[in-house]
C-alpha atoms as a PDB file:
ATOM      1  CA  MET A   1      -1.059  -1.485 -22.592  1.00  0.00           C
ATOM      2  CA  LYS A   2      -0.329   0.163 -19.265  1.00  0.00           C
ATOM      3  CA  ARG A   3      -1.484  -1.703 -16.163  1.00  0.00           C
ATOM      4  CA  LYS A   4      -3.936   0.016 -13.875  1.00  0.00           C
ATOM      5  CA  VAL A   5      -4.429  -0.099 -10.129  1.00  0.00           C
ATOM      6  CA  SER A   6      -7.719  -1.926 -10.716  1.00  0.00           C
ATOM      7  CA  ASP A   7      -5.713  -4.795 -12.297  1.00  0.00           C
ATOM      8  CA  LEU A   8      -3.426  -4.943  -9.279  1.00  0.00           C
ATOM      9  CA  LEU A   9      -6.361  -4.994  -6.847  1.00  0.00           C
ATOM     10  CA  LYS A  10      -7.969  -7.858  -8.806  1.00  0.00           C
ATOM     11  CA  GLU A  11      -4.756  -9.880  -8.445  1.00  0.00           C
ATOM     12  CA  LYS A  12      -3.934  -9.116  -4.825  1.00  0.00           C
ATOM     13  CA  GLY A  13      -7.462  -8.713  -3.527  1.00  0.00           C
ATOM     14  CA  ASN A  14      -8.915  -5.757  -1.728  1.00  0.00           C
ATOM     15  CA  VAL A  15      -8.632  -6.837   1.891  1.00  0.00           C
ATOM     16  CA  VAL A  16      -7.942  -3.759   3.988  1.00  0.00           C
ATOM     17  CA  TYR A  17      -6.961  -4.012   7.612  1.00  0.00           C
ATOM     18  CA  THR A  18      -8.287  -1.215   9.777  1.00  0.00           C
ATOM     19  CA  ILE A  19      -7.942   0.032  13.307  1.00  0.00           C
ATOM     20  CA  ARG A  20      -9.981   2.524  15.306  1.00  0.00           C
ATOM     21  CA  ASP A  21      -8.543   5.961  15.941  1.00  0.00           C
ATOM     22  CA  THR A  22      -8.974   5.316  19.671  1.00  0.00           C
ATOM     23  CA  ALA A  23      -6.925   2.080  19.639  1.00  0.00           C
ATOM     24  CA  ARG A  24      -3.539   1.957  21.294  1.00  0.00           C
ATOM     25  CA  LEU A  25      -0.294   1.775  19.355  1.00  0.00           C
ATOM     26  CA  LYS A  26       0.530  -1.593  20.865  1.00  0.00           C
ATOM     27  CA  ASP A  27      -2.652  -2.909  19.210  1.00  0.00           C
ATOM     28  CA  ALA A  28      -1.482  -1.529  15.864  1.00  0.00           C
ATOM     29  CA  VAL A  29       1.944  -3.153  16.287  1.00  0.00           C
ATOM     30  CA  LYS A  30       0.263  -6.457  17.133  1.00  0.00           C
ATOM     31  CA  LEU A  31      -1.790  -6.284  13.908  1.00  0.00           C
ATOM     32  CA  PHE A  32       1.294  -5.366  11.857  1.00  0.00           C
ATOM     33  CA  ASN A  33       2.997  -8.518  13.109  1.00  0.00           C
ATOM     34  CA  GLU A  34      -0.017 -10.847  12.890  1.00  0.00           C
ATOM     35  CA  LYS A  35      -1.013  -9.797   9.374  1.00  0.00           C
ATOM     36  CA  HIS A  36       2.520  -9.164   8.031  1.00  0.00           C
ATOM     37  CA  ILE A  37       1.595  -5.661   6.946  1.00  0.00           C
ATOM     38  CA  GLY A  38       3.149  -2.232   7.341  1.00  0.00           C
ATOM     39  CA  ALA A  39       0.083   0.008   7.428  1.00  0.00           C
ATOM     40  CA  LEU A  40      -3.417   0.144   8.812  1.00  0.00           C
ATOM     41  CA  MET A  41      -6.234   2.371   7.690  1.00  0.00           C
ATOM     42  CA  VAL A  42      -7.574   4.295  10.662  1.00  0.00           C
ATOM     43  CA  VAL A  43     -11.357   4.496  10.886  1.00  0.00           C
ATOM     44  CA  ASN A  44     -13.862   5.830  13.360  1.00  0.00           C
ATOM     45  CA  GLU A  45     -16.869   3.976  14.740  1.00  0.00           C
ATOM     46  CA  GLU A  46     -18.847   4.713  11.566  1.00  0.00           C
ATOM     47  CA  GLU A  47     -16.002   3.148   9.513  1.00  0.00           C
ATOM     48  CA  ASP A  48     -15.198   6.541   7.957  1.00  0.00           C
ATOM     49  CA  ILE A  49     -11.554   6.957   6.997  1.00  0.00           C
ATOM     50  CA  GLN A  50      -9.703   9.059   9.546  1.00  0.00           C
ATOM     51  CA  GLY A  51      -6.170   8.453   8.300  1.00  0.00           C
ATOM     52  CA  ILE A  52      -3.418   5.859   8.038  1.00  0.00           C
ATOM     53  CA  VAL A  53      -0.876   4.628  10.551  1.00  0.00           C
ATOM     54  CA  THR A  54       2.330   2.934   9.466  1.00  0.00           C
ATOM     55  CA  GLU A  55       5.251   1.245  11.145  1.00  0.00           C
ATOM     56  CA  ARG A  56       7.346   4.251  10.197  1.00  0.00           C
ATOM     57  CA  ASP A  57       4.887   6.637  11.903  1.00  0.00           C
ATOM     58  CA  ILE A  58       5.288   4.737  15.154  1.00  0.00           C
ATOM     59  CA  LEU A  59       9.091   4.679  14.895  1.00  0.00           C
ATOM     60  CA  LYS A  60       9.173   8.440  14.260  1.00  0.00           C
ATOM     61  CA  LYS A  61       7.005   9.078  17.321  1.00  0.00           C
ATOM     62  CA  LEU A  62       9.164   6.778  19.418  1.00  0.00           C
ATOM     63  CA  ALA A  63      12.296   8.650  18.335  1.00  0.00           C
ATOM     64  CA  LYS A  64      10.726  12.035  19.134  1.00  0.00           C
ATOM     65  CA  THR A  65       9.340  11.096  22.520  1.00  0.00           C
ATOM     66  CA  GLU A  66      12.239   8.888  23.605  1.00  0.00           C
ATOM     67  CA  GLY A  67       9.743   7.078  25.752  1.00  0.00           C
ATOM     68  CA  GLU A  68       6.927   4.640  26.090  1.00  0.00           C
ATOM     69  CA  VAL A  69       4.421   4.980  23.266  1.00  0.00           C
ATOM     70  CA  LYS A  70       2.644   1.629  23.391  1.00  0.00           C
ATOM     71  CA  ASP A  71      -0.355   3.021  25.295  1.00  0.00           C
ATOM     72  CA  MET A  72      -0.613   6.150  23.141  1.00  0.00           C
ATOM     73  CA  ASN A  73      -3.695   6.320  20.898  1.00  0.00           C
ATOM     74  CA  VAL A  74      -3.307   5.780  17.170  1.00  0.00           C
ATOM     75  CA  LYS A  75      -4.844   9.196  16.426  1.00  0.00           C
ATOM     76  CA  PHE A  76      -1.767  10.934  17.879  1.00  0.00           C
ATOM     77  CA  VAL A  77       0.589   9.200  15.454  1.00  0.00           C
ATOM     78  CA  MET A  78      -1.406   8.618  12.249  1.00  0.00           C
ATOM     79  CA  THR A  79      -1.331  10.663   9.093  1.00  0.00           C
ATOM     80  CA  PRO A  80      -4.736  12.376   9.224  1.00  0.00           C
ATOM     81  CA  ARG A  81      -7.329  12.139   6.460  1.00  0.00           C
ATOM     82  CA  GLY A  82      -6.638  15.674   5.224  1.00  0.00           C
ATOM     83  CA  ASP A  83      -2.982  14.811   4.563  1.00  0.00           C
ATOM     84  CA  LEU A  84      -3.597  11.434   2.900  1.00  0.00           C
ATOM     85  CA  ILE A  85      -2.307  10.825  -0.577  1.00  0.00           C
ATOM     86  CA  VAL A  86      -4.775   8.524  -2.308  1.00  0.00           C
ATOM     87  CA  GLY A  87      -5.056   6.732  -5.618  1.00  0.00           C
ATOM     88  CA  THR A  88      -7.940   5.548  -7.752  1.00  0.00           C
ATOM     89  CA  PRO A  89      -8.561   2.281  -9.610  1.00  0.00           C
ATOM     90  CA  ASP A  90      -7.970   4.107 -12.922  1.00  0.00           C
ATOM     91  CA  ASP A  91      -4.454   5.255 -11.986  1.00  0.00           C
ATOM     92  CA  GLU A  92      -1.597   3.564 -13.807  1.00  0.00           C
ATOM     93  CA  ILE A  93       0.826   1.486 -11.745  1.00  0.00           C
ATOM     94  CA  GLU A  94       3.793   3.562 -12.918  1.00  0.00           C
ATOM     95  CA  TYR A  95       2.040   6.749 -11.786  1.00  0.00           C
ATOM     96  CA  LEU A  96       1.462   5.348  -8.300  1.00  0.00           C
ATOM     97  CA  MET A  97       5.104   4.267  -8.144  1.00  0.00           C
ATOM     98  CA  LYS A  98       6.197   7.808  -8.991  1.00  0.00           C
ATOM     99  CA  VAL A  99       3.850   9.327  -6.391  1.00  0.00           C
ATOM    100  CA  MET A 100       5.176   6.934  -3.729  1.00  0.00           C
ATOM    101  CA  THR A 101       8.795   7.643  -4.611  1.00  0.00           C
ATOM    102  CA  THR A 102       8.337  11.409  -4.786  1.00  0.00           C
ATOM    103  CA  ASN A 103       6.495  11.551  -1.467  1.00  0.00           C
ATOM    104  CA  ARG A 104       8.623   8.885   0.224  1.00  0.00           C
ATOM    105  CA  ILE A 105       5.624   6.799   1.231  1.00  0.00           C
ATOM    106  CA  ARG A 106       5.108   3.053   1.069  1.00  0.00           C
ATOM    107  CA  HIS A 107       1.313   2.732   1.111  1.00  0.00           C
ATOM    108  CA  ILE A 108      -1.477   4.446  -0.806  1.00  0.00           C
ATOM    109  CA  PRO A 109      -5.165   3.966  -0.032  1.00  0.00           C
ATOM    110  CA  ILE A 110      -7.244   3.412  -3.154  1.00  0.00           C
ATOM    111  CA  VAL A 111     -10.591   5.159  -3.119  1.00  0.00           C
ATOM    112  CA  GLY A 112     -13.520   5.340  -5.483  1.00  0.00           C
ATOM    113  CA  GLY A 113     -17.271   5.375  -5.653  1.00  0.00           C
ATOM    114  CA  GLU A 114     -19.492   8.342  -5.045  1.00  0.00           C
ATOM    115  CA  ASN A 115     -17.373  11.369  -4.101  1.00  0.00           C
ATOM    116  CA  GLU A 116     -14.344   9.050  -4.228  1.00  0.00           C
ATOM    117  CA  CYS A 117     -14.615   8.336  -0.521  1.00  0.00           C
ATOM    118  CA  LYS A 118     -15.139   4.560  -0.476  1.00  0.00           C
ATOM    119  CA  LEU A 119     -12.011   2.652   0.507  1.00  0.00           C
ATOM    120  CA  LEU A 120     -11.372   0.026  -2.181  1.00  0.00           C
ATOM    121  CA  GLY A 121      -7.952  -1.226  -1.110  1.00  0.00           C
ATOM    122  CA  VAL A 122      -4.426  -0.286  -0.147  1.00  0.00           C
ATOM    123  CA  VAL A 123      -1.443  -0.592  -2.481  1.00  0.00           C
ATOM    124  CA  SER A 124       2.039  -0.982  -1.040  1.00  0.00           C
ATOM    125  CA  ILE A 125       5.360  -0.404  -2.734  1.00  0.00           C
ATOM    126  CA  GLY A 126       5.868  -4.172  -2.413  1.00  0.00           C
ATOM    127  CA  ASP A 127       2.698  -4.784  -4.450  1.00  0.00           C
ATOM    128  CA  ILE A 128       4.012  -2.502  -7.178  1.00  0.00           C
ATOM    129  CA  VAL A 129       7.463  -4.107  -7.233  1.00  0.00           C
ATOM    130  CA  LYS A 130       5.870  -7.557  -7.479  1.00  0.00           C
ATOM    131  CA  ILE A 131       3.614  -6.668 -10.397  1.00  0.00           C
ATOM    132  CA  LEU A 132       6.482  -4.946 -12.238  1.00  0.00           C
ATOM    133  CA  LEU A 133       8.805  -7.919 -11.651  1.00  0.00           C
ATOM    134  CA  ASP A 134       6.121 -10.306 -12.897  1.00  0.00           C
ATOM    135  CA  GLY A 135       5.980  -8.224 -16.095  1.00  0.00           C
ATOM    136  CA  LEU A 136       9.768  -8.323 -16.476  1.00  0.00           C
ATOM    137  CA  VAL A 137       9.861 -12.095 -16.042  1.00  0.00           C
ATOM    138  CA  MET A 138       7.152 -12.480 -18.672  1.00  0.00           C
ATOM    139  CA  ASN A 139       9.071 -10.228 -21.095  1.00  0.00           C
ATOM    140  CA  HIS A 140      12.270 -12.251 -20.611  1.00  0.00           C
ATOM    141  CA  GLU A 141      10.445 -15.547 -21.079  1.00  0.00           C
ATOM    142  CA  ASN A 142       8.884 -14.219 -24.298  1.00  0.00           C
ATOM    143  CA  ARG A 143      12.288 -13.107 -25.573  1.00  0.00           C
ATOM    144  CA  PHE A 144      13.895 -16.496 -24.860  1.00  0.00           C
ATOM    145  CA  LEU A 145      11.016 -18.322 -26.503  1.00  0.00           C
ATOM    146  CA  LYS A 146      11.237 -16.111 -29.606  1.00  0.00           C
ATOM    147  CA  ASP A 147      14.995 -16.632 -29.754  1.00  0.00           C
ATOM    148  CA  TYR A 148      14.557 -20.376 -29.411  1.00  0.00           C
ATOM    149  CA  LEU A 149      11.860 -20.541 -32.072  1.00  0.00           C
ATOM    150  CA  GLY A 150      13.984 -18.318 -34.315  1.00  0.00           C
ATOM    151  CA  LYS A 151      16.777 -20.890 -33.983  1.00  0.00           C
ATOM    152  CA  VAL A 152      19.126 -18.379 -32.432  1.00  0.00           C
ATOM    153  CA  TYR A 153      20.345 -21.222 -30.240  1.00  0.00           C
ATOM    154  CA  SER A 154      21.293 -23.543 -33.072  1.00  0.00           C
ATOM    155  CA  ILE A 155      23.522 -26.466 -32.232  1.00  0.00           C
END
């Protein structure tokens, strides 16, 4: 059976770190470091999703401006809501991995609920690699156990 995003969110939890669109980039960088994360969902004062800001977004802006960006507002660097690529709890893990690889992104907001606008979590490429590796380890352990029980390793 294929694993779904909902399974992943149950395992990892659905804590989502957010930042206001009016916050400064130095505040975003501080949160990245404190929480050991690479992306923040950007919300307005009503907690409506405005976009996403990632470490990579900030580095790209820094390279383009060749200057001080720490006091720049998040809204000038983020990927805006209209350009977001999102997933749903019913998506399969392998599908999300393909979307991330094709679009060269590392984080996908997971939305659902009425009109699919409620933020349910964020899935990173690291989350996907971990869940796939856990599956591989389990498959190898099953194979070794079957081999052992089948007396493949006879002395």
